[in-house]
Amino acid sequence: KPEHEEAYKVAHSAVPAAVLSMIRQCNIRNYS
C-alpha cells in the first residue's frame, strides 16, 4: 500500500534478530 512505503522500508532496516534467526532456522538463505 503506497501510504505504507516509508514505514515498510524503516521496519526492514531493523528486522528483529529473532525473526532473522527463524528465517535461517527454516533453511532460507540469500533472501532479498
PDB file of all heavy atoms in Angstrom:
ATOM      1  N   LYS A   1       0.855  -1.180   0.000  1.00  0.00           N
ATOM      2  CA  LYS A   1       0.000   0.000   0.000  1.00  0.00           C
ATOM      3  C   LYS A   1       0.893   1.234   0.000  1.00  0.00           C
ATOM      4  O   LYS A   1       1.774   1.371   0.859  1.00  0.00           O
ATOM      5  CB  LYS A   1      -0.925  -0.023   1.208  1.00  0.00           C
ATOM      6  CG  LYS A   1      -1.904  -1.192   1.182  1.00  0.00           C
ATOM      7  CD  LYS A   1      -2.706  -1.287   2.448  1.00  0.00           C
ATOM      8  CE  LYS A   1      -3.599  -2.533   2.414  1.00  0.00           C
ATOM      9  NZ  LYS A   1      -4.275  -2.761   3.694  1.00  0.00           N
ATOM     10  N   PRO A   2       0.705   2.135  -0.968  1.00  0.00           N
ATOM     11  CA  PRO A   2       1.622   3.275  -1.137  1.00  0.00           C
ATOM     12  C   PRO A   2       1.802   4.119   0.124  1.00  0.00           C
ATOM     13  O   PRO A   2       2.900   4.605   0.385  1.00  0.00           O
ATOM     14  CB  PRO A   2       0.981   4.093  -2.261  1.00  0.00           C
ATOM     15  CG  PRO A   2       0.130   3.127  -3.000  1.00  0.00           C
ATOM     16  CD  PRO A   2      -0.339   2.117  -1.997  1.00  0.00           C
ATOM     17  N   GLU A   3       0.764   4.245   0.920  1.00  0.00           N
ATOM     18  CA  GLU A   3       0.868   5.062   2.125  1.00  0.00           C
ATOM     19  C   GLU A   3       1.753   4.433   3.201  1.00  0.00           C
ATOM     20  O   GLU A   3       2.116   5.082   4.183  1.00  0.00           O
ATOM     21  CB  GLU A   3      -0.524   5.373   2.701  1.00  0.00           C
ATOM     22  CG  GLU A   3      -1.288   4.173   3.216  1.00  0.00           C
ATOM     23  CD  GLU A   3      -2.140   3.451   2.177  1.00  0.00           C
ATOM     24  OE1 GLU A   3      -1.889   3.588   0.951  1.00  0.00           O
ATOM     25  OE2 GLU A   3      -3.068   2.716   2.591  1.00  0.00           O
ATOM     26  N   HIS A   4       2.137   3.171   3.015  1.00  0.00           N
ATOM     27  CA  HIS A   4       2.980   2.474   3.990  1.00  0.00           C
ATOM     28  C   HIS A   4       4.415   2.267   3.504  1.00  0.00           C
ATOM     29  O   HIS A   4       5.208   1.624   4.188  1.00  0.00           O
ATOM     30  CB  HIS A   4       2.364   1.117   4.342  1.00  0.00           C
ATOM     31  CG  HIS A   4       1.066   1.220   5.044  1.00  0.00           C
ATOM     32  ND1 HIS A   4       0.931   1.766   6.293  1.00  0.00           N
ATOM     33  CD2 HIS A   4      -0.183   0.852   4.651  1.00  0.00           C
ATOM     34  CE1 HIS A   4      -0.332   1.720   6.654  1.00  0.00           C
ATOM     35  NE2 HIS A   4      -1.034   1.180   5.671  1.00  0.00           N
ATOM     36  N   GLU A   5       4.741   2.813   2.353  1.00  0.00           N
ATOM     37  CA  GLU A   5       6.059   2.559   1.770  1.00  0.00           C
ATOM     38  C   GLU A   5       7.198   2.933   2.723  1.00  0.00           C
ATOM     39  O   GLU A   5       8.108   2.134   2.954  1.00  0.00           O
ATOM     40  CB  GLU A   5       6.210   3.309   0.446  1.00  0.00           C
ATOM     41  CG  GLU A   5       7.515   3.009  -0.250  1.00  0.00           C
ATOM     42  CD  GLU A   5       7.627   3.648  -1.624  1.00  0.00           C
ATOM     43  OE1 GLU A   5       6.667   3.543  -2.408  1.00  0.00           O
ATOM     44  OE2 GLU A   5       8.684   4.239  -1.898  1.00  0.00           O
ATOM     45  N   GLU A   6       7.173   4.115   3.259  1.00  0.00           N
ATOM     46  CA  GLU A   6       8.266   4.557   4.135  1.00  0.00           C
ATOM     47  C   GLU A   6       8.335   3.722   5.411  1.00  0.00           C
ATOM     48  O   GLU A   6       9.420   3.316   5.835  1.00  0.00           O
ATOM     49  CB  GLU A   6       8.138   6.047   4.463  1.00  0.00           C
ATOM     50  CG  GLU A   6       9.385   6.625   5.105  1.00  0.00           C
ATOM     51  CD  GLU A   6      10.660   6.436   4.273  1.00  0.00           C
ATOM     52  OE1 GLU A   6      10.607   6.498   3.030  1.00  0.00           O
ATOM     53  OE2 GLU A   6      11.727   6.208   4.892  1.00  0.00           O
ATOM     54  N   ALA A   7       7.195   3.441   6.020  1.00  0.00           N
ATOM     55  CA  ALA A   7       7.176   2.631   7.246  1.00  0.00           C
ATOM     56  C   ALA A   7       7.708   1.223   6.968  1.00  0.00           C
ATOM     57  O   ALA A   7       8.418   0.645   7.803  1.00  0.00           O
ATOM     58  CB  ALA A   7       5.770   2.563   7.823  1.00  0.00           C
ATOM     59  N   TYR A   8       7.394   0.669   5.809  1.00  0.00           N
ATOM     60  CA  TYR A   8       7.864  -0.666   5.449  1.00  0.00           C
ATOM     61  C   TYR A   8       9.384  -0.669   5.305  1.00  0.00           C
ATOM     62  O   TYR A   8      10.070  -1.576   5.790  1.00  0.00           O
ATOM     63  CB  TYR A   8       7.188  -1.116   4.157  1.00  0.00           C
ATOM     64  CG  TYR A   8       7.305  -2.598   3.889  1.00  0.00           C
ATOM     65  CD1 TYR A   8       6.399  -3.496   4.434  1.00  0.00           C
ATOM     66  CD2 TYR A   8       8.322  -3.103   3.083  1.00  0.00           C
ATOM     67  CE1 TYR A   8       6.490  -4.862   4.187  1.00  0.00           C
ATOM     68  CE2 TYR A   8       8.426  -4.463   2.830  1.00  0.00           C
ATOM     69  CZ  TYR A   8       7.507  -5.325   3.391  1.00  0.00           C
ATOM     70  OH  TYR A   8       7.605  -6.678   3.147  1.00  0.00           O
ATOM     71  N   LYS A   9       9.919   0.347   4.654  1.00  0.00           N
ATOM     72  CA  LYS A   9      11.367   0.450   4.492  1.00  0.00           C
ATOM     73  C   LYS A   9      12.058   0.606   5.845  1.00  0.00           C
ATOM     74  O   LYS A   9      13.073  -0.056   6.102  1.00  0.00           O
ATOM     75  CB  LYS A   9      11.725   1.635   3.605  1.00  0.00           C
ATOM     76  CG  LYS A   9      11.388   1.450   2.149  1.00  0.00           C
ATOM     77  CD  LYS A   9      11.788   2.714   1.402  1.00  0.00           C
ATOM     78  CE  LYS A   9      11.438   2.705  -0.037  1.00  0.00           C
ATOM     79  NZ  LYS A   9      11.845   3.949  -0.716  1.00  0.00           N
ATOM     80  N   VAL A  10      11.504   1.454   6.698  1.00  0.00           N
ATOM     81  CA  VAL A  10      12.089   1.661   8.023  1.00  0.00           C
ATOM     82  C   VAL A  10      12.063   0.355   8.818  1.00  0.00           C
ATOM     83  O   VAL A  10      13.060  -0.029   9.439  1.00  0.00           O
ATOM     84  CB  VAL A  10      11.360   2.797   8.781  1.00  0.00           C
ATOM     85  CG1 VAL A  10      11.757   2.832  10.248  1.00  0.00           C
ATOM     86  CG2 VAL A  10      11.647   4.137   8.122  1.00  0.00           C
ATOM     87  N   ALA A  11      10.953  -0.337   8.805  1.00  0.00           N
ATOM     88  CA  ALA A  11      10.844  -1.602   9.533  1.00  0.00           C
ATOM     89  C   ALA A  11      11.887  -2.607   9.044  1.00  0.00           C
ATOM     90  O   ALA A  11      12.519  -3.306   9.839  1.00  0.00           O
ATOM     91  CB  ALA A  11       9.443  -2.180   9.392  1.00  0.00           C
ATOM     92  N   HIS A  12      12.101  -2.664   7.748  1.00  0.00           N
ATOM     93  CA  HIS A  12      13.050  -3.628   7.200  1.00  0.00           C
ATOM     94  C   HIS A  12      14.504  -3.193   7.351  1.00  0.00           C
ATOM     95  O   HIS A  12      15.411  -3.994   7.096  1.00  0.00           O
ATOM     96  CB  HIS A  12      12.696  -3.963   5.755  1.00  0.00           C
ATOM     97  CG  HIS A  12      11.582  -4.950   5.678  1.00  0.00           C
ATOM     98  ND1 HIS A  12      10.256  -4.568   5.830  1.00  0.00           N
ATOM     99  CD2 HIS A  12      11.587  -6.295   5.521  1.00  0.00           C
ATOM    100  CE1 HIS A  12       9.498  -5.652   5.751  1.00  0.00           C
ATOM    101  NE2 HIS A  12      10.279  -6.713   5.572  1.00  0.00           N
ATOM    102  N   SER A  13      14.728  -1.988   7.804  1.00  0.00           N
ATOM    103  CA  SER A  13      16.098  -1.587   8.114  1.00  0.00           C
ATOM    104  C   SER A  13      16.514  -2.103   9.488  1.00  0.00           C
ATOM    105  O   SER A  13      17.684  -2.016   9.857  1.00  0.00           O
ATOM    106  CB  SER A  13      16.241  -0.063   8.053  1.00  0.00           C
ATOM    107  OG  SER A  13      15.574   0.550   9.141  1.00  0.00           O
ATOM    108  N   ALA A  14      15.564  -2.642  10.249  1.00  0.00           N
ATOM    109  CA  ALA A  14      15.845  -3.150  11.600  1.00  0.00           C
ATOM    110  C   ALA A  14      14.957  -4.360  11.905  1.00  0.00           C
ATOM    111  O   ALA A  14      14.196  -4.354  12.867  1.00  0.00           O
ATOM    112  CB  ALA A  14      15.630  -2.046  12.620  1.00  0.00           C
ATOM    113  N   VAL A  15      15.052  -5.389  11.081  1.00  0.00           N
ATOM    114  CA  VAL A  15      14.271  -6.612  11.309  1.00  0.00           C
ATOM    115  C   VAL A  15      14.739  -7.237  12.623  1.00  0.00           C
ATOM    116  O   VAL A  15      15.949  -7.351  12.860  1.00  0.00           O
ATOM    117  CB  VAL A  15      14.445  -7.598  10.137  1.00  0.00           C
ATOM    118  CG1 VAL A  15      13.698  -8.902  10.403  1.00  0.00           C
ATOM    119  CG2 VAL A  15      13.970  -6.963   8.830  1.00  0.00           C
ATOM    120  N   PRO A  16      13.818  -7.620  13.501  1.00  0.00           N
ATOM    121  CA  PRO A  16      14.216  -8.220  14.785  1.00  0.00           C
ATOM    122  C   PRO A  16      15.115  -9.446  14.600  1.00  0.00           C
ATOM    123  O   PRO A  16      14.896 -10.275  13.710  1.00  0.00           O
ATOM    124  CB  PRO A  16      12.881  -8.612  15.429  1.00  0.00           C
ATOM    125  CG  PRO A  16      11.875  -7.694  14.799  1.00  0.00           C
ATOM    126  CD  PRO A  16      12.353  -7.490  13.389  1.00  0.00           C
ATOM    127  N   ALA A  17      16.105  -9.551  15.464  1.00  0.00           N
ATOM    128  CA  ALA A  17      17.059 -10.665  15.395  1.00  0.00           C
ATOM    129  C   ALA A  17      16.358 -12.017  15.468  1.00  0.00           C
ATOM    130  O   ALA A  17      16.767 -12.969  14.787  1.00  0.00           O
ATOM    131  CB  ALA A  17      18.092 -10.535  16.507  1.00  0.00           C
ATOM    132  N   ALA A  18      15.309 -12.117  16.268  1.00  0.00           N
ATOM    133  CA  ALA A  18      14.590 -13.400  16.386  1.00  0.00           C
ATOM    134  C   ALA A  18      13.933 -13.791  15.065  1.00  0.00           C
ATOM    135  O   ALA A  18      13.869 -14.983  14.730  1.00  0.00           O
ATOM    136  CB  ALA A  18      13.541 -13.313  17.498  1.00  0.00           C
ATOM    137  N   VAL A  19      13.465 -12.825  14.307  1.00  0.00           N
ATOM    138  CA  VAL A  19      12.856 -13.103  13.003  1.00  0.00           C
ATOM    139  C   VAL A  19      13.931 -13.559  12.019  1.00  0.00           C
ATOM    140  O   VAL A  19      13.748 -14.545  11.296  1.00  0.00           O
ATOM    141  CB  VAL A  19      12.098 -11.865  12.484  1.00  0.00           C
ATOM    142  CG1 VAL A  19      11.620 -12.068  11.050  1.00  0.00           C
ATOM    143  CG2 VAL A  19      10.927 -11.534  13.403  1.00  0.00           C
ATOM    144  N   LEU A  20      15.053 -12.866  12.004  1.00  0.00           N
ATOM    145  CA  LEU A  20      16.153 -13.258  11.127  1.00  0.00           C
ATOM    146  C   LEU A  20      16.666 -14.658  11.469  1.00  0.00           C
ATOM    147  O   LEU A  20      16.959 -15.453  10.574  1.00  0.00           O
ATOM    148  CB  LEU A  20      17.293 -12.235  11.222  1.00  0.00           C
ATOM    149  CG  LEU A  20      16.955 -10.832  10.730  1.00  0.00           C
ATOM    150  CD1 LEU A  20      18.119  -9.892  11.012  1.00  0.00           C
ATOM    151  CD2 LEU A  20      16.582 -10.835   9.258  1.00  0.00           C
ATOM    152  N   SER A  21      16.742 -14.954  12.752  1.00  0.00           N
ATOM    153  CA  SER A  21      17.174 -16.277  13.187  1.00  0.00           C
ATOM    154  C   SER A  21      16.210 -17.359  12.713  1.00  0.00           C
ATOM    155  O   SER A  21      16.631 -18.427  12.243  1.00  0.00           O
ATOM    156  CB  SER A  21      17.298 -16.311  14.710  1.00  0.00           C
ATOM    157  OG  SER A  21      17.626 -17.608  15.149  1.00  0.00           O
ATOM    158  N   MET A  22      14.919 -17.104  12.817  1.00  0.00           N
ATOM    159  CA  MET A  22      13.925 -18.088  12.377  1.00  0.00           C
ATOM    160  C   MET A  22      14.017 -18.307  10.867  1.00  0.00           C
ATOM    161  O   MET A  22      13.887 -19.446  10.394  1.00  0.00           O
ATOM    162  CB  MET A  22      12.514 -17.647  12.774  1.00  0.00           C
ATOM    163  CG  MET A  22      11.427 -18.635  12.407  1.00  0.00           C
ATOM    164  SD  MET A  22      11.636 -20.350  13.000  1.00  0.00           S
ATOM    165  CE  MET A  22      11.821 -20.125  14.757  1.00  0.00           C
ATOM    166  N   ILE A  23      14.250 -17.265  10.119  1.00  0.00           N
ATOM    167  CA  ILE A  23      14.420 -17.413   8.669  1.00  0.00           C
ATOM    168  C   ILE A  23      15.546 -18.404   8.392  1.00  0.00           C
ATOM    169  O   ILE A  23      15.404 -19.327   7.586  1.00  0.00           O
ATOM    170  CB  ILE A  23      14.684 -16.044   8.009  1.00  0.00           C
ATOM    171  CG1 ILE A  23      13.397 -15.199   8.021  1.00  0.00           C
ATOM    172  CG2 ILE A  23      15.220 -16.208   6.591  1.00  0.00           C
ATOM    173  CD1 ILE A  23      13.597 -13.750   7.636  1.00  0.00           C
ATOM    174  N   ARG A  24      16.662 -18.246   9.068  1.00  0.00           N
ATOM    175  CA  ARG A  24      17.804 -19.152   8.876  1.00  0.00           C
ATOM    176  C   ARG A  24      17.478 -20.564   9.369  1.00  0.00           C
ATOM    177  O   ARG A  24      17.823 -21.546   8.714  1.00  0.00           O
ATOM    178  CB  ARG A  24      19.047 -18.609   9.569  1.00  0.00           C
ATOM    179  CG  ARG A  24      19.585 -17.365   8.853  1.00  0.00           C
ATOM    180  CD  ARG A  24      20.990 -16.999   9.255  1.00  0.00           C
ATOM    181  NE  ARG A  24      22.002 -17.966   8.903  1.00  0.00           N
ATOM    182  CZ  ARG A  24      22.524 -18.166   7.686  1.00  0.00           C
ATOM    183  NH1 ARG A  24      22.086 -17.461   6.672  1.00  0.00           N
ATOM    184  NH2 ARG A  24      23.461 -19.064   7.488  1.00  0.00           N
ATOM    185  N   GLN A  25      16.816 -20.661  10.530  1.00  0.00           N
ATOM    186  CA  GLN A  25      16.448 -21.983  11.060  1.00  0.00           C
ATOM    187  C   GLN A  25      15.537 -22.738  10.097  1.00  0.00           C
ATOM    188  O   GLN A  25      15.514 -23.971  10.090  1.00  0.00           O
ATOM    189  CB  GLN A  25      15.743 -21.837  12.412  1.00  0.00           C
ATOM    190  CG  GLN A  25      16.642 -21.432  13.557  1.00  0.00           C
ATOM    191  CD  GLN A  25      15.833 -21.204  14.815  1.00  0.00           C
ATOM    192  OE1 GLN A  25      15.000 -22.013  15.192  1.00  0.00           O
ATOM    193  NE2 GLN A  25      16.083 -20.076  15.480  1.00  0.00           N
ATOM    194  N   CYS A  26      14.787 -22.002   9.304  1.00  0.00           N
ATOM    195  CA  CYS A  26      13.854 -22.616   8.351  1.00  0.00           C
ATOM    196  C   CYS A  26      14.488 -22.802   6.978  1.00  0.00           C
ATOM    197  O   CYS A  26      13.787 -22.961   5.971  1.00  0.00           O
ATOM    198  CB  CYS A  26      12.576 -21.790   8.281  1.00  0.00           C
ATOM    199  SG  CYS A  26      11.628 -21.885   9.816  1.00  0.00           S
ATOM    200  N   ASN A  27      15.822 -22.780   6.945  1.00  0.00           N
ATOM    201  CA  ASN A  27      16.587 -23.140   5.744  1.00  0.00           C
ATOM    202  C   ASN A  27      16.462 -22.160   4.586  1.00  0.00           C
ATOM    203  O   ASN A  27      16.591 -22.548   3.420  1.00  0.00           O
ATOM    204  CB  ASN A  27      16.230 -24.567   5.294  1.00  0.00           C
ATOM    205  CG  ASN A  27      16.623 -25.582   6.332  1.00  0.00           C
ATOM    206  OD1 ASN A  27      17.789 -25.656   6.706  1.00  0.00           O
ATOM    207  ND2 ASN A  27      15.657 -26.325   6.835  1.00  0.00           N
ATOM    208  N   ILE A  28      16.231 -20.888   4.892  1.00  0.00           N
ATOM    209  CA  ILE A  28      16.178 -19.856   3.864  1.00  0.00           C
ATOM    210  C   ILE A  28      17.492 -19.096   3.891  1.00  0.00           C
ATOM    211  O   ILE A  28      17.967 -18.682   4.943  1.00  0.00           O
ATOM    212  CB  ILE A  28      14.982 -18.919   4.094  1.00  0.00           C
ATOM    213  CG1 ILE A  28      13.682 -19.692   3.837  1.00  0.00           C
ATOM    214  CG2 ILE A  28      15.068 -17.687   3.194  1.00  0.00           C
ATOM    215  CD1 ILE A  28      12.430 -18.919   4.151  1.00  0.00           C
ATOM    216  N   ARG A  29      18.061 -18.914   2.710  1.00  0.00           N
ATOM    217  CA  ARG A  29      19.316 -18.191   2.556  1.00  0.00           C
ATOM    218  C   ARG A  29      19.167 -17.189   1.414  1.00  0.00           C
ATOM    219  O   ARG A  29      18.276 -17.297   0.584  1.00  0.00           O
ATOM    220  CB  ARG A  29      20.471 -19.140   2.228  1.00  0.00           C
ATOM    221  CG  ARG A  29      20.704 -20.242   3.243  1.00  0.00           C
ATOM    222  CD  ARG A  29      21.201 -19.694   4.590  1.00  0.00           C
ATOM    223  NE  ARG A  29      21.562 -20.751   5.518  1.00  0.00           N
ATOM    224  CZ  ARG A  29      20.720 -21.384   6.329  1.00  0.00           C
ATOM    225  NH1 ARG A  29      19.440 -21.089   6.318  1.00  0.00           N
ATOM    226  NH2 ARG A  29      21.140 -22.322   7.157  1.00  0.00           N
ATOM    227  N   ASN A  30      20.087 -16.237   1.377  1.00  0.00           N
ATOM    228  CA  ASN A  30      20.174 -15.285   0.269  1.00  0.00           C
ATOM    229  C   ASN A  30      18.809 -14.628  -0.009  1.00  0.00           C
ATOM    230  O   ASN A  30      18.329 -14.607  -1.136  1.00  0.00           O
ATOM    231  CB  ASN A  30      20.711 -15.981  -0.982  1.00  0.00           C
ATOM    232  CG  ASN A  30      21.230 -15.008  -2.008  1.00  0.00           C
ATOM    233  OD1 ASN A  30      21.569 -13.868  -1.690  1.00  0.00           O
ATOM    234  ND2 ASN A  30      21.304 -15.437  -3.250  1.00  0.00           N
ATOM    235  N   TYR A  31      18.214 -14.088   1.040  1.00  0.00           N
ATOM    236  CA  TYR A  31      16.854 -13.531   0.986  1.00  0.00           C
ATOM    237  C   TYR A  31      16.916 -12.030   0.735  1.00  0.00           C
ATOM    238  O   TYR A  31      17.598 -11.309   1.459  1.00  0.00           O
ATOM    239  CB  TYR A  31      16.156 -13.832   2.311  1.00  0.00           C
ATOM    240  CG  TYR A  31      14.687 -13.485   2.408  1.00  0.00           C
ATOM    241  CD1 TYR A  31      13.896 -13.294   1.291  1.00  0.00           C
ATOM    242  CD2 TYR A  31      14.085 -13.362   3.645  1.00  0.00           C
ATOM    243  CE1 TYR A  31      12.549 -12.995   1.396  1.00  0.00           C
ATOM    244  CE2 TYR A  31      12.738 -13.059   3.764  1.00  0.00           C
ATOM    245  CZ  TYR A  31      11.980 -12.879   2.643  1.00  0.00           C
ATOM    246  OH  TYR A  31      10.643 -12.586   2.758  1.00  0.00           O
ATOM    247  N   SER A  32      16.222 -11.578  -0.273  1.00  0.00           N
ATOM    248  CA  SER A  32      16.152 -10.155  -0.614  1.00  0.00           C
ATOM    249  C   SER A  32      14.713  -9.778  -0.915  1.00  0.00           C
ATOM    250  O   SER A  32      13.937 -10.599  -1.424  1.00  0.00           O
ATOM    251  CB  SER A  32      16.988  -9.843  -1.870  1.00  0.00           C
ATOM    252  OG  SER A  32      18.336 -10.146  -1.667  1.00  0.00           O
TER     253      SER A  32
END
